[in-house]
Amino acid sequence: MKYKVHRVNVKNNNMQEKLEQFINELKGEVISVMPNVQPTFTLAGATAKVYCILVVEKIAVEN
């Protein structure tokens, strides 16, 4: 078994479309999808922003 981790850069307005398109193009099995969330400070207070999404793919190994 081999695994590969992909990084998908996203913005707030295109996150769903980019992730859906990326997952549909994968050849292997999707194991996990993890957002990379970082804290952001604004005048209104603290919040968080998703900068990228990590996708773990299981790749079939031929013997």
N, C-alpha and C. Protein backbone atom coordinates (compact mmCIF):
# COMPACT_ATOMS: atom_id res chain seq x y z
N MET A 1 0.84 -1.18 0.00
CA MET A 1 0.00 0.00 0.00
C MET A 1 0.88 1.24 0.00
N LYS A 2 0.54 2.16 -0.85
CA LYS A 2 1.23 3.44 -0.87
C LYS A 2 0.19 4.53 -0.76
N TYR A 3 0.61 5.63 -0.16
CA TYR A 3 -0.27 6.78 0.01
C TYR A 3 0.40 8.01 -0.57
N LYS A 4 -0.41 8.92 -1.06
CA LYS A 4 0.10 10.18 -1.57
C LYS A 4 -0.77 11.29 -1.00
N VAL A 5 -0.12 12.37 -0.57
CA VAL A 5 -0.84 13.52 -0.02
C VAL A 5 -0.79 14.65 -1.04
N HIS A 6 -1.95 15.14 -1.41
CA HIS A 6 -2.07 16.23 -2.38
C HIS A 6 -2.49 17.50 -1.65
N ARG A 7 -2.02 18.62 -2.13
CA ARG A 7 -2.41 19.92 -1.58
C ARG A 7 -3.24 20.65 -2.63
N VAL A 8 -4.45 21.09 -2.24
CA VAL A 8 -5.35 21.82 -3.13
C VAL A 8 -5.51 23.22 -2.55
N ASN A 9 -4.98 24.22 -3.24
CA ASN A 9 -5.13 25.60 -2.79
C ASN A 9 -6.53 26.08 -3.13
N VAL A 10 -7.20 26.66 -2.16
CA VAL A 10 -8.59 27.09 -2.34
C VAL A 10 -8.79 28.49 -1.79
N LYS A 11 -9.86 29.09 -2.23
CA LYS A 11 -10.34 30.35 -1.66
C LYS A 11 -11.75 30.11 -1.15
N ASN A 12 -12.25 31.01 -0.39
CA ASN A 12 -13.56 30.83 0.22
C ASN A 12 -14.68 30.67 -0.80
N ASN A 13 -14.57 31.34 -1.94
CA ASN A 13 -15.66 31.32 -2.91
C ASN A 13 -15.59 30.16 -3.90
N ASN A 14 -14.47 29.40 -3.97
CA ASN A 14 -14.37 28.32 -4.94
C ASN A 14 -13.98 26.98 -4.31
N MET A 15 -14.10 26.87 -3.01
CA MET A 15 -13.61 25.70 -2.30
C MET A 15 -14.32 24.41 -2.73
N GLN A 16 -15.62 24.41 -2.78
CA GLN A 16 -16.39 23.22 -3.10
C GLN A 16 -16.12 22.75 -4.53
N GLU A 17 -16.12 23.67 -5.48
CA GLU A 17 -15.91 23.31 -6.88
C GLU A 17 -14.51 22.74 -7.11
N LYS A 18 -13.48 23.38 -6.53
CA LYS A 18 -12.11 22.90 -6.72
C LYS A 18 -11.90 21.52 -6.09
N LEU A 19 -12.46 21.30 -4.90
CA LEU A 19 -12.31 20.01 -4.25
C LEU A 19 -13.04 18.92 -5.02
N GLU A 20 -14.24 19.21 -5.47
CA GLU A 20 -15.02 18.23 -6.24
C GLU A 20 -14.30 17.86 -7.54
N GLN A 21 -13.79 18.84 -8.23
CA GLN A 21 -13.07 18.59 -9.49
C GLN A 21 -11.81 17.77 -9.23
N PHE A 22 -11.07 18.10 -8.19
CA PHE A 22 -9.83 17.38 -7.88
C PHE A 22 -10.11 15.93 -7.52
N ILE A 23 -11.09 15.69 -6.67
CA ILE A 23 -11.41 14.32 -6.24
C ILE A 23 -11.88 13.47 -7.41
N ASN A 24 -12.66 14.04 -8.31
CA ASN A 24 -13.15 13.29 -9.48
C ASN A 24 -12.03 12.90 -10.43
N GLU A 25 -10.90 13.61 -10.42
CA GLU A 25 -9.78 13.31 -11.30
C GLU A 25 -8.80 12.29 -10.71
N LEU A 26 -8.94 11.96 -9.43
CA LEU A 26 -8.02 11.01 -8.80
C LEU A 26 -8.25 9.60 -9.32
N LYS A 27 -7.16 8.82 -9.41
CA LYS A 27 -7.24 7.43 -9.86
C LYS A 27 -7.40 6.48 -8.67
N GLY A 28 -6.84 6.82 -7.52
CA GLY A 28 -6.88 5.96 -6.35
C GLY A 28 -8.09 6.24 -5.46
N GLU A 29 -8.04 5.68 -4.26
CA GLU A 29 -9.12 5.81 -3.28
C GLU A 29 -8.82 6.96 -2.33
N VAL A 30 -9.80 7.81 -2.08
CA VAL A 30 -9.63 8.92 -1.14
C VAL A 30 -9.75 8.38 0.28
N ILE A 31 -8.72 8.61 1.08
CA ILE A 31 -8.69 8.14 2.47
C ILE A 31 -9.16 9.24 3.42
N SER A 32 -8.70 10.47 3.19
CA SER A 32 -9.02 11.55 4.11
C SER A 32 -8.94 12.90 3.40
N VAL A 33 -9.75 13.84 3.87
CA VAL A 33 -9.72 15.23 3.40
C VAL A 33 -9.60 16.11 4.64
N MET A 34 -8.51 16.91 4.70
CA MET A 34 -8.25 17.73 5.88
C MET A 34 -8.04 19.19 5.48
N PRO A 35 -8.77 20.11 6.07
CA PRO A 35 -8.52 21.52 5.79
C PRO A 35 -7.32 22.03 6.59
N ASN A 36 -6.56 22.92 5.99
CA ASN A 36 -5.46 23.60 6.69
C ASN A 36 -6.01 24.94 7.16
N VAL A 37 -6.38 25.01 8.43
CA VAL A 37 -7.03 26.18 9.01
C VAL A 37 -6.00 26.97 9.81
N GLN A 38 -5.92 28.27 9.53
CA GLN A 38 -4.99 29.13 10.26
C GLN A 38 -5.75 30.30 10.86
N PRO A 39 -5.39 30.68 12.08
CA PRO A 39 -6.08 31.81 12.71
C PRO A 39 -5.77 33.12 11.99
N THR A 40 -6.77 33.99 11.94
CA THR A 40 -6.64 35.30 11.31
C THR A 40 -7.23 36.33 12.27
N PHE A 41 -6.55 37.46 12.39
CA PHE A 41 -7.03 38.51 13.27
C PHE A 41 -7.48 39.71 12.44
N THR A 42 -8.68 40.19 12.72
CA THR A 42 -9.22 41.36 12.03
C THR A 42 -9.61 42.41 13.07
N LEU A 43 -10.09 43.54 12.60
CA LEU A 43 -10.53 44.58 13.52
C LEU A 43 -11.74 44.12 14.34
N ALA A 44 -12.54 43.23 13.78
CA ALA A 44 -13.73 42.75 14.47
C ALA A 44 -13.41 41.63 15.46
N GLY A 45 -12.21 41.09 15.40
CA GLY A 45 -11.82 40.02 16.32
C GLY A 45 -11.10 38.90 15.61
N ALA A 46 -10.94 37.80 16.31
CA ALA A 46 -10.22 36.65 15.76
C ALA A 46 -11.17 35.74 14.99
N THR A 47 -10.66 35.15 13.94
CA THR A 47 -11.43 34.20 13.14
C THR A 47 -10.44 33.20 12.57
N ALA A 48 -10.88 32.33 11.69
CA ALA A 48 -10.00 31.35 11.06
C ALA A 48 -10.29 31.32 9.56
N LYS A 49 -9.27 30.93 8.79
CA LYS A 49 -9.40 30.90 7.34
C LYS A 49 -8.78 29.61 6.82
N VAL A 50 -9.44 28.99 5.83
CA VAL A 50 -8.91 27.79 5.20
C VAL A 50 -8.04 28.23 4.02
N TYR A 51 -6.75 27.86 4.05
CA TYR A 51 -5.82 28.25 2.99
C TYR A 51 -5.66 27.15 1.95
N CYS A 52 -5.73 25.91 2.39
CA CYS A 52 -5.61 24.80 1.45
C CYS A 52 -6.29 23.58 2.06
N ILE A 53 -6.49 22.57 1.22
CA ILE A 53 -7.07 21.32 1.66
C ILE A 53 -6.08 20.22 1.31
N LEU A 54 -5.81 19.34 2.27
CA LEU A 54 -4.95 18.19 2.04
C LEU A 54 -5.81 16.96 1.78
N VAL A 55 -5.51 16.25 0.71
CA VAL A 55 -6.25 15.05 0.34
C VAL A 55 -5.29 13.87 0.36
N VAL A 56 -5.61 12.84 1.14
CA VAL A 56 -4.78 11.64 1.21
C VAL A 56 -5.39 10.60 0.27
N GLU A 57 -4.57 10.12 -0.66
CA GLU A 57 -5.01 9.15 -1.66
C GLU A 57 -4.26 7.83 -1.47
N LYS A 58 -5.00 6.72 -1.51
CA LYS A 58 -4.40 5.39 -1.44
C LYS A 58 -4.17 4.92 -2.87
N ILE A 59 -2.91 4.59 -3.17
CA ILE A 59 -2.54 4.20 -4.52
C ILE A 59 -2.35 2.69 -4.58
N ALA A 60 -2.94 2.05 -5.57
CA ALA A 60 -2.79 0.61 -5.74
C ALA A 60 -1.38 0.30 -6.23
N VAL A 61 -0.74 -0.69 -5.59
CA VAL A 61 0.61 -1.10 -5.96
C VAL A 61 0.52 -2.44 -6.68
N GLU A 62 1.05 -2.50 -7.89
CA GLU A 62 1.02 -3.74 -8.66
C GLU A 62 2.19 -4.62 -8.25
N ASN A 63 1.93 -5.89 -8.06
CA ASN A 63 2.99 -6.85 -7.69
C ASN A 63 3.49 -7.59 -8.91
